[in-house]
Amino acid sequence: NNKFSGTKNGLEQLSAMFGGMMEHSQGSFVVAPNGSHMVNGNLLASPVLFTATSGHKKLNMTGIDLFEVKDGKITQVWLFSDDQAKEDEFWS
């Protein structure tokens, strides 16, 4: 429920989303691994820590990024935040 929510298809839409996130956070948005990757078939789950600053707002949150991989390429990604309401507030 924030301006970056929703389905994105293709490199152009992903680039626009990440560009908007970097602009909103004055270039401070960082996603970093936060534990071991877990693989089950063609799914890879990666615990992450993501941080950003926007004016007086700060985001410092854990989550899980889930990737579907086919033929060595990422085909879908689902992002899970530890506190979706807090994340939505930051990006809104």
C-alpha atoms as a PDB file:
ATOM      1  CA  ASN A   1       0.000   0.000   0.000  1.00  0.00           C
ATOM      2  CA  ASN A   2       2.650   2.527  -1.011  1.00  0.00           C
ATOM      3  CA  LYS A   3       3.657   4.258  -4.219  1.00  0.00           C
ATOM      4  CA  PHE A   4       6.089   1.455  -5.102  1.00  0.00           C
ATOM      5  CA  SER A   5       3.677  -1.439  -4.394  1.00  0.00           C
ATOM      6  CA  GLY A   6       2.243  -3.672  -7.066  1.00  0.00           C
ATOM      7  CA  THR A   7       3.307  -5.967  -9.838  1.00  0.00           C
ATOM      8  CA  LYS A   8       6.212  -4.863 -12.004  1.00  0.00           C
ATOM      9  CA  ASN A   9       7.004  -6.524 -15.326  1.00  0.00           C
ATOM     10  CA  GLY A  10      10.247  -6.174 -17.220  1.00  0.00           C
ATOM     11  CA  LEU A  11      13.440  -4.244 -16.754  1.00  0.00           C
ATOM     12  CA  GLU A  12      11.890  -0.851 -17.573  1.00  0.00           C
ATOM     13  CA  GLN A  13       9.299  -1.077 -14.777  1.00  0.00           C
ATOM     14  CA  LEU A  14      11.829  -2.468 -12.288  1.00  0.00           C
ATOM     15  CA  SER A  15      14.329   0.270 -13.136  1.00  0.00           C
ATOM     16  CA  ALA A  16      11.646   2.937 -12.676  1.00  0.00           C
ATOM     17  CA  MET A  17      10.672   1.482  -9.282  1.00  0.00           C
ATOM     18  CA  PHE A  18      14.261   1.288  -7.991  1.00  0.00           C
ATOM     19  CA  GLY A  19      15.031   4.728  -9.409  1.00  0.00           C
ATOM     20  CA  GLY A  20      12.016   6.128  -7.564  1.00  0.00           C
ATOM     21  CA  MET A  21      13.083   4.435  -4.336  1.00  0.00           C
ATOM     22  CA  MET A  22      16.584   5.881  -4.653  1.00  0.00           C
ATOM     23  CA  GLU A  23      15.154   9.340  -5.342  1.00  0.00           C
ATOM     24  CA  HIS A  24      12.734   9.127  -2.388  1.00  0.00           C
ATOM     25  CA  SER A  25      15.591   8.059  -0.083  1.00  0.00           C
ATOM     26  CA  GLN A  26      18.134  10.554  -1.454  1.00  0.00           C
ATOM     27  CA  GLY A  27      20.252   7.600  -2.632  1.00  0.00           C
ATOM     28  CA  SER A  28      20.356   5.924   0.780  1.00  0.00           C
ATOM     29  CA  PHE A  29      18.273   2.803   0.003  1.00  0.00           C
ATOM     30  CA  VAL A  30      20.340  -0.362   0.607  1.00  0.00           C
ATOM     31  CA  VAL A  31      19.321  -4.027   0.604  1.00  0.00           C
ATOM     32  CA  ALA A  32      21.892  -6.396   2.125  1.00  0.00           C
ATOM     33  CA  PRO A  33      21.954 -10.159   2.783  1.00  0.00           C
ATOM     34  CA  ASN A  34      21.031 -10.956   6.383  1.00  0.00           C
ATOM     35  CA  GLY A  35      21.573 -14.695   6.720  1.00  0.00           C
ATOM     36  CA  SER A  36      21.931 -17.834   4.654  1.00  0.00           C
ATOM     37  CA  HIS A  37      20.110 -18.341   1.380  1.00  0.00           C
ATOM     38  CA  MET A  38      17.634 -21.223   1.338  1.00  0.00           C
ATOM     39  CA  VAL A  39      16.878 -23.212  -1.805  1.00  0.00           C
ATOM     40  CA  ASN A  40      13.940 -25.511  -2.493  1.00  0.00           C
ATOM     41  CA  GLY A  41      13.626 -26.645  -6.093  1.00  0.00           C
ATOM     42  CA  ASN A  42      13.482 -23.547  -8.279  1.00  0.00           C
ATOM     43  CA  LEU A  43      12.826 -21.203  -5.319  1.00  0.00           C
ATOM     44  CA  LEU A  44      15.491 -19.268  -3.441  1.00  0.00           C
ATOM     45  CA  ALA A  45      14.652 -17.405  -0.217  1.00  0.00           C
ATOM     46  CA  SER A  46      17.075 -14.758   0.967  1.00  0.00           C
ATOM     47  CA  PRO A  47      16.834 -13.044   4.353  1.00  0.00           C
ATOM     48  CA  VAL A  48      17.602  -9.345   3.879  1.00  0.00           C
ATOM     49  CA  LEU A  49      18.115  -6.163   5.847  1.00  0.00           C
ATOM     50  CA  PHE A  50      17.022  -2.998   4.113  1.00  0.00           C
ATOM     51  CA  THR A  51      17.690   0.554   5.193  1.00  0.00           C
ATOM     52  CA  ALA A  52      16.858   4.007   3.887  1.00  0.00           C
ATOM     53  CA  THR A  53      16.471   7.584   5.062  1.00  0.00           C
ATOM     54  CA  SER A  54      14.046  10.224   3.807  1.00  0.00           C
ATOM     55  CA  GLY A  55      14.083  13.523   5.639  1.00  0.00           C
ATOM     56  CA  HIS A  56      13.322  12.704   9.267  1.00  0.00           C
ATOM     57  CA  LYS A  57      12.065   9.191   8.440  1.00  0.00           C
ATOM     58  CA  LYS A  58      14.342   6.168   8.786  1.00  0.00           C
ATOM     59  CA  LEU A  59      13.745   2.616   7.619  1.00  0.00           C
ATOM     60  CA  ASN A  60      15.734  -0.254   9.138  1.00  0.00           C
ATOM     61  CA  MET A  61      13.910  -3.522   8.593  1.00  0.00           C
ATOM     62  CA  THR A  62      14.378  -7.195   7.913  1.00  0.00           C
ATOM     63  CA  GLY A  63      12.509  -9.237   5.359  1.00  0.00           C
ATOM     64  CA  ILE A  64      12.630 -12.167   2.992  1.00  0.00           C
ATOM     65  CA  ASP A  65      13.117 -11.890  -0.758  1.00  0.00           C
ATOM     66  CA  LEU A  66      11.820 -14.973  -2.572  1.00  0.00           C
ATOM     67  CA  PHE A  67      13.072 -15.643  -6.104  1.00  0.00           C
ATOM     68  CA  GLU A  68      11.806 -18.104  -8.681  1.00  0.00           C
ATOM     69  CA  VAL A  69      14.625 -19.206 -10.988  1.00  0.00           C
ATOM     70  CA  LYS A  70      14.156 -21.025 -14.305  1.00  0.00           C
ATOM     71  CA  ASP A  71      16.972 -21.893 -16.696  1.00  0.00           C
ATOM     72  CA  GLY A  72      19.386 -19.812 -14.621  1.00  0.00           C
ATOM     73  CA  LYS A  73      17.268 -16.648 -14.804  1.00  0.00           C
ATOM     74  CA  ILE A  74      15.098 -14.958 -12.197  1.00  0.00           C
ATOM     75  CA  THR A  75      11.516 -15.135 -13.470  1.00  0.00           C
ATOM     76  CA  GLN A  76       9.568 -13.848 -10.454  1.00  0.00           C
ATOM     77  CA  VAL A  77      10.331 -12.147  -7.155  1.00  0.00           C
ATOM     78  CA  TRP A  78       8.197 -11.731  -4.037  1.00  0.00           C
ATOM     79  CA  LEU A  79       9.290  -9.335  -1.281  1.00  0.00           C
ATOM     80  CA  PHE A  80       8.199  -9.784   2.331  1.00  0.00           C
ATOM     81  CA  SER A  81       8.758  -7.092   4.970  1.00  0.00           C
ATOM     82  CA  ASP A  82       8.946  -7.609   8.709  1.00  0.00           C
ATOM     83  CA  ASP A  83       6.496  -4.700   9.228  1.00  0.00           C
ATOM     84  CA  GLN A  84       4.567  -3.885   6.056  1.00  0.00           C
ATOM     85  CA  ALA A  85       2.644  -0.989   7.642  1.00  0.00           C
ATOM     86  CA  LYS A  86       5.901   0.684   8.727  1.00  0.00           C
ATOM     87  CA  GLU A  87       7.398   0.193   5.282  1.00  0.00           C
ATOM     88  CA  ASP A  88       4.275   1.594   3.602  1.00  0.00           C
ATOM     89  CA  GLU A  89       4.444   4.656   5.866  1.00  0.00           C
ATOM     90  CA  PHE A  90       8.079   5.255   4.899  1.00  0.00           C
ATOM     91  CA  TRP A  91       7.494   5.029   1.132  1.00  0.00           C
ATOM     92  CA  SER A  92       4.196   6.955   1.106  1.00  0.00           C
END
